[in-house]
N, C-alpha and C. Protein backbone atom coordinates (compact mmCIF):
# COMPACT_ATOMS: atom_id res chain seq x y z
N MET A 1 -7.32 -11.42 -15.06
CA MET A 1 -7.59 -10.14 -15.09
C MET A 1 -6.58 -9.59 -16.26
N THR A 2 -7.19 -8.72 -17.20
CA THR A 2 -6.29 -8.38 -18.43
C THR A 2 -5.12 -7.31 -17.84
N SER A 3 -4.31 -7.10 -18.74
CA SER A 3 -3.11 -6.22 -18.28
C SER A 3 -3.60 -4.73 -18.14
N SER A 4 -4.51 -4.30 -18.80
CA SER A 4 -4.92 -2.90 -18.70
C SER A 4 -5.90 -2.92 -17.46
N ALA A 5 -6.59 -3.85 -17.17
CA ALA A 5 -7.48 -3.85 -15.97
C ALA A 5 -6.68 -3.99 -14.73
N TYR A 6 -5.47 -4.66 -14.61
CA TYR A 6 -4.56 -4.70 -13.49
C TYR A 6 -3.99 -3.03 -13.55
N GLU A 7 -3.39 -2.71 -14.52
CA GLU A 7 -2.87 -1.32 -14.51
C GLU A 7 -3.79 -0.16 -14.02
N GLN A 8 -5.03 -0.29 -14.40
CA GLN A 8 -6.09 0.81 -13.95
C GLN A 8 -6.23 0.51 -12.38
N LEU A 9 -6.39 -0.76 -12.06
CA LEU A 9 -6.82 -1.10 -10.59
C LEU A 9 -5.56 -0.60 -9.68
N ALA A 10 -4.39 -0.93 -10.09
CA ALA A 10 -3.16 -0.65 -9.41
C ALA A 10 -3.03 0.79 -9.19
N GLU A 11 -3.30 1.51 -10.38
CA GLU A 11 -3.24 3.07 -10.27
C GLU A 11 -4.20 3.61 -9.43
N GLU A 12 -5.39 3.15 -9.58
CA GLU A 12 -6.56 3.43 -8.50
C GLU A 12 -6.10 3.37 -7.07
N THR A 13 -5.63 2.21 -6.76
CA THR A 13 -5.11 1.85 -5.57
C THR A 13 -4.10 2.70 -4.94
N LEU A 14 -2.98 3.00 -5.82
CA LEU A 14 -1.93 3.83 -5.21
C LEU A 14 -2.47 5.27 -4.93
N PHE A 15 -3.41 5.72 -5.78
CA PHE A 15 -4.10 6.93 -5.63
C PHE A 15 -5.05 7.09 -4.26
N ALA A 16 -5.54 5.84 -4.13
CA ALA A 16 -6.33 5.67 -2.69
C ALA A 16 -5.46 5.84 -1.52
N ILE A 17 -4.26 5.12 -1.75
CA ILE A 17 -3.34 5.11 -0.53
C ILE A 17 -2.80 6.64 -0.46
N GLU A 18 -2.65 7.17 -1.42
CA GLU A 18 -2.14 8.79 -1.02
C GLU A 18 -3.34 9.62 -0.39
N GLU A 19 -4.65 9.28 -0.90
CA GLU A 19 -5.59 9.98 -0.21
C GLU A 19 -5.85 9.85 1.25
N ALA A 20 -5.71 8.42 1.55
CA ALA A 20 -5.61 7.87 2.92
C ALA A 20 -4.56 8.62 3.70
N VAL A 21 -3.44 8.46 3.18
CA VAL A 21 -2.12 8.98 4.06
C VAL A 21 -2.49 10.54 4.21
N GLU A 22 -2.93 11.22 3.17
CA GLU A 22 -3.37 12.67 3.37
C GLU A 22 -4.25 13.09 4.45
N SER A 23 -5.21 11.98 4.58
CA SER A 23 -6.38 12.34 5.69
C SER A 23 -6.31 11.54 6.94
N CYS A 24 -5.12 11.05 7.12
CA CYS A 24 -4.97 10.18 8.54
C CYS A 24 -4.60 10.88 9.71
N GLY A 25 -4.22 12.09 9.52
CA GLY A 25 -3.84 13.00 10.75
C GLY A 25 -2.59 12.77 11.12
N VAL A 26 -1.70 12.08 10.59
CA VAL A 26 -0.33 11.90 10.94
C VAL A 26 0.85 12.32 9.82
N GLU A 27 1.68 12.96 10.15
CA GLU A 27 2.65 13.61 9.30
C GLU A 27 3.46 12.63 8.58
N ILE A 28 3.00 12.31 7.23
CA ILE A 28 3.68 11.18 6.35
C ILE A 28 3.82 11.91 5.03
N ASP A 29 5.10 12.30 4.52
CA ASP A 29 5.05 12.67 3.24
C ASP A 29 5.20 11.37 2.23
N TYR A 30 4.55 11.73 1.00
CA TYR A 30 4.58 10.92 -0.09
C TYR A 30 4.96 11.34 -1.38
N GLU A 31 5.39 10.41 -2.33
CA GLU A 31 5.75 10.91 -3.63
C GLU A 31 5.50 9.56 -4.45
N ASN A 32 4.76 9.94 -5.52
CA ASN A 32 4.46 8.80 -6.54
C ASN A 32 5.12 9.06 -7.75
N ASN A 33 6.11 8.21 -8.07
CA ASN A 33 6.91 8.47 -9.23
C ASN A 33 6.91 7.18 -10.00
N GLY A 34 6.29 7.23 -11.09
CA GLY A 34 6.23 6.10 -12.24
C GLY A 34 5.72 4.89 -11.59
N GLY A 35 4.71 4.84 -10.72
CA GLY A 35 3.92 3.80 -10.39
C GLY A 35 4.79 3.31 -8.94
N ILE A 36 5.61 4.10 -8.45
CA ILE A 36 6.29 3.67 -7.13
C ILE A 36 5.91 4.85 -6.17
N LEU A 37 4.95 4.45 -5.18
CA LEU A 37 4.64 5.31 -4.02
C LEU A 37 5.59 5.18 -2.92
N THR A 38 6.11 6.10 -2.37
CA THR A 38 7.25 6.30 -1.29
C THR A 38 6.44 6.86 -0.22
N LEU A 39 6.39 6.43 0.91
CA LEU A 39 5.90 7.12 2.07
C LEU A 39 7.04 7.25 2.97
N THR A 40 7.27 8.53 3.44
CA THR A 40 8.52 8.87 4.32
C THR A 40 7.92 9.47 5.55
N PHE A 41 8.57 8.89 6.60
CA PHE A 41 7.97 9.34 7.94
C PHE A 41 9.28 10.30 8.53
N LEU A 42 8.64 10.96 9.52
CA LEU A 42 9.48 11.84 10.34
C LEU A 42 10.85 11.36 10.68
N ASN A 43 10.90 10.14 11.05
CA ASN A 43 12.22 9.62 11.52
C ASN A 43 13.16 9.31 10.32
N GLY A 44 12.69 9.47 8.92
CA GLY A 44 13.43 9.27 7.99
C GLY A 44 13.19 7.85 7.38
N SER A 45 12.51 6.95 7.96
CA SER A 45 12.20 5.60 7.59
C SER A 45 11.07 5.67 6.32
N LYS A 46 11.14 4.68 5.64
CA LYS A 46 10.32 4.75 4.32
C LYS A 46 9.65 3.45 4.28
N ILE A 47 8.36 3.49 3.62
CA ILE A 47 7.44 2.38 3.05
C ILE A 47 7.48 2.60 1.85
N ILE A 48 7.69 1.71 0.85
CA ILE A 48 7.52 1.72 -0.66
C ILE A 48 6.68 0.69 -1.20
N ILE A 49 5.63 1.23 -1.99
CA ILE A 49 4.67 0.49 -2.62
C ILE A 49 4.77 0.68 -4.14
N ASN A 50 4.87 -0.65 -4.78
CA ASN A 50 4.82 -0.44 -6.27
C ASN A 50 4.33 -1.59 -6.82
N ARG A 51 4.05 -1.32 -8.14
CA ARG A 51 3.26 -2.28 -9.11
C ARG A 51 4.28 -3.43 -9.54
N GLN A 52 3.82 -4.63 -9.73
CA GLN A 52 4.59 -5.50 -10.13
C GLN A 52 3.73 -6.36 -11.45
N PRO A 53 3.46 -5.65 -12.63
CA PRO A 53 2.66 -6.09 -13.75
C PRO A 53 2.98 -7.53 -14.16
N PRO A 54 4.21 -7.97 -14.25
CA PRO A 54 4.31 -9.37 -14.54
C PRO A 54 3.48 -10.29 -13.82
N VAL A 55 3.43 -10.14 -12.39
CA VAL A 55 2.63 -10.92 -11.90
C VAL A 55 1.38 -10.57 -11.18
N GLN A 56 1.07 -9.30 -11.67
CA GLN A 56 -0.13 -8.38 -11.30
C GLN A 56 -0.31 -8.46 -9.62
N GLN A 57 0.55 -7.98 -9.09
CA GLN A 57 0.61 -7.81 -7.74
C GLN A 57 1.05 -6.26 -7.35
N LEU A 58 0.72 -6.03 -5.95
CA LEU A 58 1.45 -4.84 -5.59
C LEU A 58 2.46 -5.33 -4.46
N TRP A 59 3.69 -4.63 -4.47
CA TRP A 59 4.69 -5.08 -3.48
C TRP A 59 4.71 -3.87 -2.40
N VAL A 60 5.07 -4.44 -1.32
CA VAL A 60 5.16 -3.46 -0.09
C VAL A 60 6.46 -3.71 0.51
N ALA A 61 7.54 -2.53 0.74
CA ALA A 61 8.84 -2.91 1.22
C ALA A 61 8.76 -1.87 2.67
N ALA A 62 8.98 -2.39 3.67
CA ALA A 62 8.89 -1.66 4.93
C ALA A 62 10.06 -2.40 5.94
N LYS A 63 10.23 -1.54 7.14
CA LYS A 63 11.09 -2.04 8.09
C LYS A 63 10.97 -3.38 8.35
N ALA A 64 9.62 -3.84 8.32
CA ALA A 64 9.09 -5.07 8.67
C ALA A 64 9.35 -6.24 7.66
N GLY A 65 9.74 -5.89 6.46
CA GLY A 65 9.98 -6.65 5.52
C GLY A 65 9.40 -6.38 4.08
N GLY A 66 9.36 -7.45 3.38
CA GLY A 66 8.67 -7.49 1.94
C GLY A 66 7.46 -8.11 1.91
N PHE A 67 6.46 -7.60 1.25
CA PHE A 67 4.98 -8.25 1.33
C PHE A 67 4.61 -7.97 -0.06
N HIS A 68 3.83 -9.19 -0.57
CA HIS A 68 3.43 -9.16 -1.78
C HIS A 68 1.63 -9.34 -1.74
N PHE A 69 1.01 -8.55 -2.61
CA PHE A 69 -0.59 -8.41 -2.40
C PHE A 69 -0.99 -8.76 -3.77
N ASN A 70 -2.01 -9.71 -3.73
CA ASN A 70 -2.88 -10.15 -4.89
C ASN A 70 -4.38 -9.52 -4.69
N TYR A 71 -4.88 -9.26 -5.94
CA TYR A 71 -6.20 -8.71 -5.91
C TYR A 71 -7.20 -9.86 -5.85
N SER A 72 -8.14 -9.75 -4.91
CA SER A 72 -9.23 -10.73 -4.82
C SER A 72 -10.41 -10.16 -5.19
N ALA A 73 -10.74 -10.76 -6.42
CA ALA A 73 -12.03 -10.20 -7.03
C ALA A 73 -13.21 -10.60 -6.16
N ASP A 74 -13.11 -11.76 -5.65
CA ASP A 74 -14.27 -12.09 -4.59
C ASP A 74 -14.40 -10.92 -3.34
N ALA A 75 -13.41 -10.57 -2.66
CA ALA A 75 -13.22 -9.70 -1.68
C ALA A 75 -13.30 -8.31 -2.01
N GLN A 76 -12.92 -8.05 -3.49
CA GLN A 76 -12.64 -6.80 -3.78
C GLN A 76 -11.79 -6.11 -3.03
N HIS A 77 -10.52 -6.63 -2.56
CA HIS A 77 -9.33 -6.03 -1.76
C HIS A 77 -8.10 -6.69 -2.40
N TRP A 78 -7.20 -6.02 -2.13
CA TRP A 78 -5.87 -6.57 -2.16
C TRP A 78 -5.40 -7.30 -1.01
N ILE A 79 -5.10 -8.58 -1.03
CA ILE A 79 -4.70 -9.29 0.13
C ILE A 79 -3.26 -9.92 0.02
N THR A 80 -2.74 -10.05 1.18
CA THR A 80 -1.36 -10.91 1.23
C THR A 80 -1.33 -12.11 0.61
N ASP A 81 -0.26 -12.48 -0.20
CA ASP A 81 -0.13 -13.73 -0.82
C ASP A 81 0.39 -14.96 0.33
N ASP A 82 0.59 -14.60 1.36
CA ASP A 82 1.25 -15.53 2.29
C ASP A 82 0.45 -16.50 3.26
N GLY A 83 -0.70 -16.62 2.94
CA GLY A 83 -1.86 -17.36 3.20
C GLY A 83 -2.46 -16.95 4.55
N GLN A 84 -1.94 -15.71 5.11
CA GLN A 84 -2.70 -14.86 6.04
C GLN A 84 -3.88 -14.02 5.70
N ALA A 85 -3.96 -13.76 4.38
CA ALA A 85 -5.15 -12.97 3.77
C ALA A 85 -5.32 -11.70 4.59
N GLN A 86 -4.12 -10.98 4.76
CA GLN A 86 -4.43 -9.61 5.39
C GLN A 86 -4.70 -8.64 4.25
N GLU A 87 -5.72 -7.82 4.63
CA GLU A 87 -6.06 -6.72 3.79
C GLU A 87 -5.07 -5.57 3.50
N LEU A 88 -4.82 -5.01 2.35
CA LEU A 88 -3.78 -3.89 2.13
C LEU A 88 -3.91 -2.83 3.02
N PHE A 89 -4.92 -2.27 3.28
CA PHE A 89 -5.10 -0.74 3.88
C PHE A 89 -4.95 -1.22 5.43
N SER A 90 -5.52 -2.36 5.98
CA SER A 90 -5.28 -2.43 7.30
C SER A 90 -3.90 -2.95 7.61
N PHE A 91 -3.18 -3.71 6.80
CA PHE A 91 -1.84 -4.13 6.86
C PHE A 91 -0.87 -2.86 6.97
N LEU A 92 -1.12 -1.79 5.83
CA LEU A 92 -0.38 -0.60 5.69
C LEU A 92 -0.51 0.25 7.01
N SER A 93 -1.89 0.22 7.57
CA SER A 93 -2.03 0.97 8.76
C SER A 93 -1.09 0.42 9.92
N GLN A 94 -1.09 -0.78 9.91
CA GLN A 94 -0.03 -1.47 11.09
C GLN A 94 1.31 -1.16 10.80
N LEU A 95 1.86 -1.19 9.48
CA LEU A 95 3.32 -0.88 9.08
C LEU A 95 3.53 0.55 9.31
N CYS A 96 2.60 1.38 8.89
CA CYS A 96 2.65 3.02 9.25
C CYS A 96 2.66 3.40 10.50
N SER A 97 1.92 2.55 11.42
CA SER A 97 1.82 2.86 12.94
C SER A 97 3.23 2.41 13.52
N ALA A 98 3.86 1.39 13.12
CA ALA A 98 5.12 0.93 13.67
C ALA A 98 6.28 1.85 13.22
N GLN A 99 6.06 2.55 11.92
CA GLN A 99 7.39 3.18 11.56
C GLN A 99 7.00 4.63 12.07
N ALA A 100 5.85 5.17 12.22
CA ALA A 100 5.49 6.58 12.55
C ALA A 100 5.73 6.54 14.25
N GLY A 101 5.64 5.33 14.81
CA GLY A 101 5.65 5.62 16.26
C GLY A 101 4.24 6.18 16.84
N GLU A 102 3.10 6.07 16.27
CA GLU A 102 2.14 6.60 16.68
C GLU A 102 0.96 5.74 15.86
N PRO A 103 -0.30 5.73 16.38
CA PRO A 103 -1.17 5.17 15.64
C PRO A 103 -1.56 5.84 14.23
N VAL A 104 -1.66 5.00 13.33
CA VAL A 104 -2.09 5.30 11.98
C VAL A 104 -3.30 4.54 11.47
N THR A 105 -4.22 5.04 10.95
CA THR A 105 -5.43 4.42 10.29
C THR A 105 -5.59 5.06 8.80
N LEU A 106 -5.30 4.13 8.13
CA LEU A 106 -5.42 4.27 6.68
C LEU A 106 -6.98 3.85 6.19
N VAL A 107 -7.57 4.55 5.53
CA VAL A 107 -8.97 4.18 5.21
C VAL A 107 -8.96 4.29 3.67
N CYS A 108 -9.63 3.34 3.02
CA CYS A 108 -9.95 3.43 1.51
C CYS A 108 -11.46 3.98 1.47
N GLU A 109 -11.39 5.11 0.86
CA GLU A 109 -12.93 5.57 0.55
C GLU A 109 -13.33 5.36 -0.77
């Protein structure tokens, strides 16, 4: 993937996450600052999602740990690079649910 294609895809994904958080029905604040998307929960915990252009990945930092996602052109999804092949939005839903203390479902529209 070209650098510009990666940048566009990463930016679109961060925006899609913002929209999913906005419509999930759970109070989660978010802020996108220079390609770093921070989700803040009522208990003060955070999940940080950011672009990593040198390796063309998205990185997620949460209470559960740090996770790296590669874009799969075949699946047309961001998936974990740990061999588990977990899709970004379903994985973020799990992380958000754990940190919010209530079920969170993030859907990419």
